[in-house]
Amino acid sequence: MNAEVFLDTNVLLYSISKLPEEAVKQRIADTLATTLAFGTSAQVC
C-alpha cells in the first residue's frame, strides 16, 4: 500500500480528542485520518 500523505502523530491524537477547545482540530484531523491513505513513521532519537 502506498501512502498519499504523511500524518504526524499529533494529527492522530487530535482525531480522538474530546476536549471542547480542540473541537475544530478534532474534526479536521478525523477527516484526514478517515479519508486519506496515510503513513506514519516512528520517531528516531
PDB file of N, CA and C in Angstrom:
ATOM      1  N   MET A   1       0.837  -1.178   0.000  1.00  0.00           N
ATOM      2  CA  MET A   1       0.000   0.000   0.000  1.00  0.00           C
ATOM      3  C   MET A   1       0.883   1.243   0.000  1.00  0.00           C
ATOM      4  N   ASN A   2       0.576   2.173  -0.844  1.00  0.00           N
ATOM      5  CA  ASN A   2       1.293   3.443  -0.882  1.00  0.00           C
ATOM      6  C   ASN A   2       0.497   4.490  -0.124  1.00  0.00           C
ATOM      7  N   ALA A   3       1.204   5.310   0.611  1.00  0.00           N
ATOM      8  CA  ALA A   3       0.566   6.389   1.358  1.00  0.00           C
ATOM      9  C   ALA A   3       0.422   7.618   0.464  1.00  0.00           C
ATOM     10  N   GLU A   4      -0.743   8.267   0.540  1.00  0.00           N
ATOM     11  CA  GLU A   4      -0.951   9.530  -0.170  1.00  0.00           C
ATOM     12  C   GLU A   4      -0.229  10.663   0.549  1.00  0.00           C
ATOM     13  N   VAL A   5      -0.248  10.604   1.881  1.00  0.00           N
ATOM     14  CA  VAL A   5       0.311  11.665   2.709  1.00  0.00           C
ATOM     15  C   VAL A   5       0.951  11.070   3.947  1.00  0.00           C
ATOM     16  N   PHE A   6       1.772  11.869   4.600  1.00  0.00           N
ATOM     17  CA  PHE A   6       2.356  11.523   5.891  1.00  0.00           C
ATOM     18  C   PHE A   6       1.604  12.317   6.952  1.00  0.00           C
ATOM     19  N   LEU A   7       1.090  11.658   7.972  1.00  0.00           N
ATOM     20  CA  LEU A   7       0.427  12.340   9.073  1.00  0.00           C
ATOM     21  C   LEU A   7       1.294  12.259  10.314  1.00  0.00           C
ATOM     22  N   ASP A   8       1.533  13.394  10.909  1.00  0.00           N
ATOM     23  CA  ASP A   8       2.241  13.451  12.176  1.00  0.00           C
ATOM     24  C   ASP A   8       1.359  12.807  13.242  1.00  0.00           C
ATOM     25  N   THR A   9       1.966  12.203  14.236  1.00  0.00           N
ATOM     26  CA  THR A   9       1.186  11.548  15.286  1.00  0.00           C
ATOM     27  C   THR A   9       0.287  12.522  16.032  1.00  0.00           C
ATOM     28  N   ASN A  10       0.631  13.806  16.055  1.00  0.00           N
ATOM     29  CA  ASN A  10      -0.251  14.795  16.691  1.00  0.00           C
ATOM     30  C   ASN A  10      -1.610  14.842  16.004  1.00  0.00           C
ATOM     31  N   VAL A  11      -1.622  14.666  14.691  1.00  0.00           N
ATOM     32  CA  VAL A  11      -2.894  14.653  13.959  1.00  0.00           C
ATOM     33  C   VAL A  11      -3.742  13.481  14.434  1.00  0.00           C
ATOM     34  N   LEU A  12      -3.117  12.334  14.619  1.00  0.00           N
ATOM     35  CA  LEU A  12      -3.858  11.171  15.092  1.00  0.00           C
ATOM     36  C   LEU A  12      -4.385  11.392  16.507  1.00  0.00           C
ATOM     37  N   LEU A  13      -3.601  12.053  17.348  1.00  0.00           N
ATOM     38  CA  LEU A  13      -4.061  12.354  18.705  1.00  0.00           C
ATOM     39  C   LEU A  13      -5.217  13.348  18.696  1.00  0.00           C
ATOM     40  N   TYR A  14      -5.140  14.367  17.854  1.00  0.00           N
ATOM     41  CA  TYR A  14      -6.246  15.317  17.738  1.00  0.00           C
ATOM     42  C   TYR A  14      -7.512  14.615  17.255  1.00  0.00           C
ATOM     43  N   SER A  15      -7.372  13.617  16.407  1.00  0.00           N
ATOM     44  CA  SER A  15      -8.548  12.949  15.849  1.00  0.00           C
ATOM     45  C   SER A  15      -9.374  12.232  16.908  1.00  0.00           C
ATOM     46  N   ILE A  16      -8.775  11.912  18.042  1.00  0.00           N
ATOM     47  CA  ILE A  16      -9.515  11.248  19.122  1.00  0.00           C
ATOM     48  C   ILE A  16      -9.745  12.155  20.324  1.00  0.00           C
ATOM     49  N   SER A  17      -9.376  13.421  20.195  1.00  0.00           N
ATOM     50  CA  SER A  17      -9.531  14.363  21.296  1.00  0.00           C
ATOM     51  C   SER A  17     -11.005  14.592  21.623  1.00  0.00           C
ATOM     52  N   LYS A  18     -11.303  14.712  22.906  1.00  0.00           N
ATOM     53  CA  LYS A  18     -12.662  15.015  23.378  1.00  0.00           C
ATOM     54  C   LYS A  18     -12.727  16.393  24.032  1.00  0.00           C
ATOM     55  N   LEU A  19     -11.612  17.141  23.997  1.00  0.00           N
ATOM     56  CA  LEU A  19     -11.574  18.450  24.634  1.00  0.00           C
ATOM     57  C   LEU A  19     -12.342  19.469  23.795  1.00  0.00           C
ATOM     58  N   PRO A  20     -13.241  20.226  24.412  1.00  0.00           N
ATOM     59  CA  PRO A  20     -14.032  21.212  23.664  1.00  0.00           C
ATOM     60  C   PRO A  20     -13.174  22.241  22.932  1.00  0.00           C
ATOM     61  N   GLU A  21     -12.068  22.645  23.521  1.00  0.00           N
ATOM     62  CA  GLU A  21     -11.216  23.659  22.891  1.00  0.00           C
ATOM     63  C   GLU A  21     -10.463  23.131  21.672  1.00  0.00           C
ATOM     64  N   GLU A  22     -10.491  21.829  21.449  1.00  0.00           N
ATOM     65  CA  GLU A  22      -9.828  21.229  20.289  1.00  0.00           C
ATOM     66  C   GLU A  22     -10.832  20.685  19.281  1.00  0.00           C
ATOM     67  N   ALA A  23     -12.087  21.133  19.363  1.00  0.00           N
ATOM     68  CA  ALA A  23     -13.150  20.584  18.517  1.00  0.00           C
ATOM     69  C   ALA A  23     -12.877  20.785  17.027  1.00  0.00           C
ATOM     70  N   VAL A  24     -12.413  21.971  16.645  1.00  0.00           N
ATOM     71  CA  VAL A  24     -12.132  22.226  15.227  1.00  0.00           C
ATOM     72  C   VAL A  24     -10.987  21.344  14.751  1.00  0.00           C
ATOM     73  N   LYS A  25      -9.916  21.278  15.553  1.00  0.00           N
ATOM     74  CA  LYS A  25      -8.774  20.432  15.190  1.00  0.00           C
ATOM     75  C   LYS A  25      -9.199  18.968  15.124  1.00  0.00           C
ATOM     76  N   GLN A  26     -10.069  18.551  16.022  1.00  0.00           N
ATOM     77  CA  GLN A  26     -10.526  17.168  16.056  1.00  0.00           C
ATOM     78  C   GLN A  26     -11.276  16.820  14.776  1.00  0.00           C
ATOM     79  N   ARG A  27     -12.173  17.688  14.331  1.00  0.00           N
ATOM     80  CA  ARG A  27     -12.943  17.424  13.110  1.00  0.00           C
ATOM     81  C   ARG A  27     -12.039  17.334  11.881  1.00  0.00           C
ATOM     82  N   ILE A  28     -11.085  18.262  11.787  1.00  0.00           N
ATOM     83  CA  ILE A  28     -10.167  18.253  10.648  1.00  0.00           C
ATOM     84  C   ILE A  28      -9.299  17.005  10.678  1.00  0.00           C
ATOM     85  N   ALA A  29      -8.736  16.695  11.834  1.00  0.00           N
ATOM     86  CA  ALA A  29      -7.866  15.527  11.967  1.00  0.00           C
ATOM     87  C   ALA A  29      -8.633  14.239  11.688  1.00  0.00           C
ATOM     88  N   ASP A  30      -9.867  14.151  12.168  1.00  0.00           N
ATOM     89  CA  ASP A  30     -10.677  12.959  11.929  1.00  0.00           C
ATOM     90  C   ASP A  30     -10.957  12.783  10.442  1.00  0.00           C
ATOM     91  N   THR A  31     -11.254  13.876   9.766  1.00  0.00           N
ATOM     92  CA  THR A  31     -11.494  13.821   8.319  1.00  0.00           C
ATOM     93  C   THR A  31     -10.247  13.332   7.588  1.00  0.00           C
ATOM     94  N   LEU A  32      -9.093  13.870   7.956  1.00  0.00           N
ATOM     95  CA  LEU A  32      -7.846  13.442   7.315  1.00  0.00           C
ATOM     96  C   LEU A  32      -7.569  11.965   7.565  1.00  0.00           C
ATOM     97  N   ALA A  33      -7.737  11.540   8.812  1.00  0.00           N
ATOM     98  CA  ALA A  33      -7.403  10.167   9.188  1.00  0.00           C
ATOM     99  C   ALA A  33      -8.359   9.142   8.583  1.00  0.00           C
ATOM    100  N   THR A  34      -9.584   9.559   8.270  1.00  0.00           N
ATOM    101  CA  THR A  34     -10.551   8.593   7.757  1.00  0.00           C
ATOM    102  C   THR A  34     -10.738   8.649   6.242  1.00  0.00           C
ATOM    103  N   THR A  35     -10.171   9.642   5.577  1.00  0.00           N
ATOM    104  CA  THR A  35     -10.398   9.746   4.134  1.00  0.00           C
ATOM    105  C   THR A  35      -9.136   9.610   3.292  1.00  0.00           C
ATOM    106  N   LEU A  36      -7.977   9.617   3.905  1.00  0.00           N
ATOM    107  CA  LEU A  36      -6.725   9.530   3.158  1.00  0.00           C
ATOM    108  C   LEU A  36      -5.994   8.227   3.449  1.00  0.00           C
ATOM    109  N   ALA A  37      -5.250   7.751   2.474  1.00  0.00           N
ATOM    110  CA  ALA A  37      -4.342   6.636   2.695  1.00  0.00           C
ATOM    111  C   ALA A  37      -3.054   7.254   3.247  1.00  0.00           C
ATOM    112  N   PHE A  38      -2.904   7.220   4.564  1.00  0.00           N
ATOM    113  CA  PHE A  38      -1.786   7.920   5.190  1.00  0.00           C
ATOM    114  C   PHE A  38      -0.741   6.963   5.727  1.00  0.00           C
ATOM    115  N   GLY A  39       0.451   7.517   5.914  1.00  0.00           N
ATOM    116  CA  GLY A  39       1.536   6.791   6.521  1.00  0.00           C
ATOM    117  C   GLY A  39       2.024   7.529   7.746  1.00  0.00           C
ATOM    118  N   THR A  40       2.672   6.819   8.634  1.00  0.00           N
ATOM    119  CA  THR A  40       3.308   7.414   9.810  1.00  0.00           C
ATOM    120  C   THR A  40       4.725   6.855   9.896  1.00  0.00           C
ATOM    121  N   SER A  41       5.503   7.398  10.790  1.00  0.00           N
ATOM    122  CA  SER A  41       6.834   6.836  10.999  1.00  0.00           C
ATOM    123  C   SER A  41       7.162   6.892  12.472  1.00  0.00           C
ATOM    124  N   ALA A  42       8.039   6.043  12.873  1.00  0.00           N
ATOM    125  CA  ALA A  42       8.495   6.027  14.263  1.00  0.00           C
ATOM    126  C   ALA A  42       9.508   7.149  14.454  1.00  0.00           C
ATOM    127  N   GLN A  43       9.441   7.785  15.608  1.00  0.00           N
ATOM    128  CA  GLN A  43      10.396   8.849  15.897  1.00  0.00           C
ATOM    129  C   GLN A  43      11.745   8.216  16.256  1.00  0.00           C
ATOM    130  N   VAL A  44      12.777   8.784  15.676  1.00  0.00           N
ATOM    131  CA  VAL A  44      14.134   8.291  15.926  1.00  0.00           C
ATOM    132  C   VAL A  44      14.846   9.331  16.781  1.00  0.00           C
ATOM    133  N   CYS A  45      15.378   8.874  17.895  1.00  0.00           N
ATOM    134  CA  CYS A  45      16.079   9.807  18.789  1.00  0.00           C
ATOM    135  C   CYS A  45      17.557   9.813  18.525  1.00  0.00           C
TER     136      CYS A  45
END
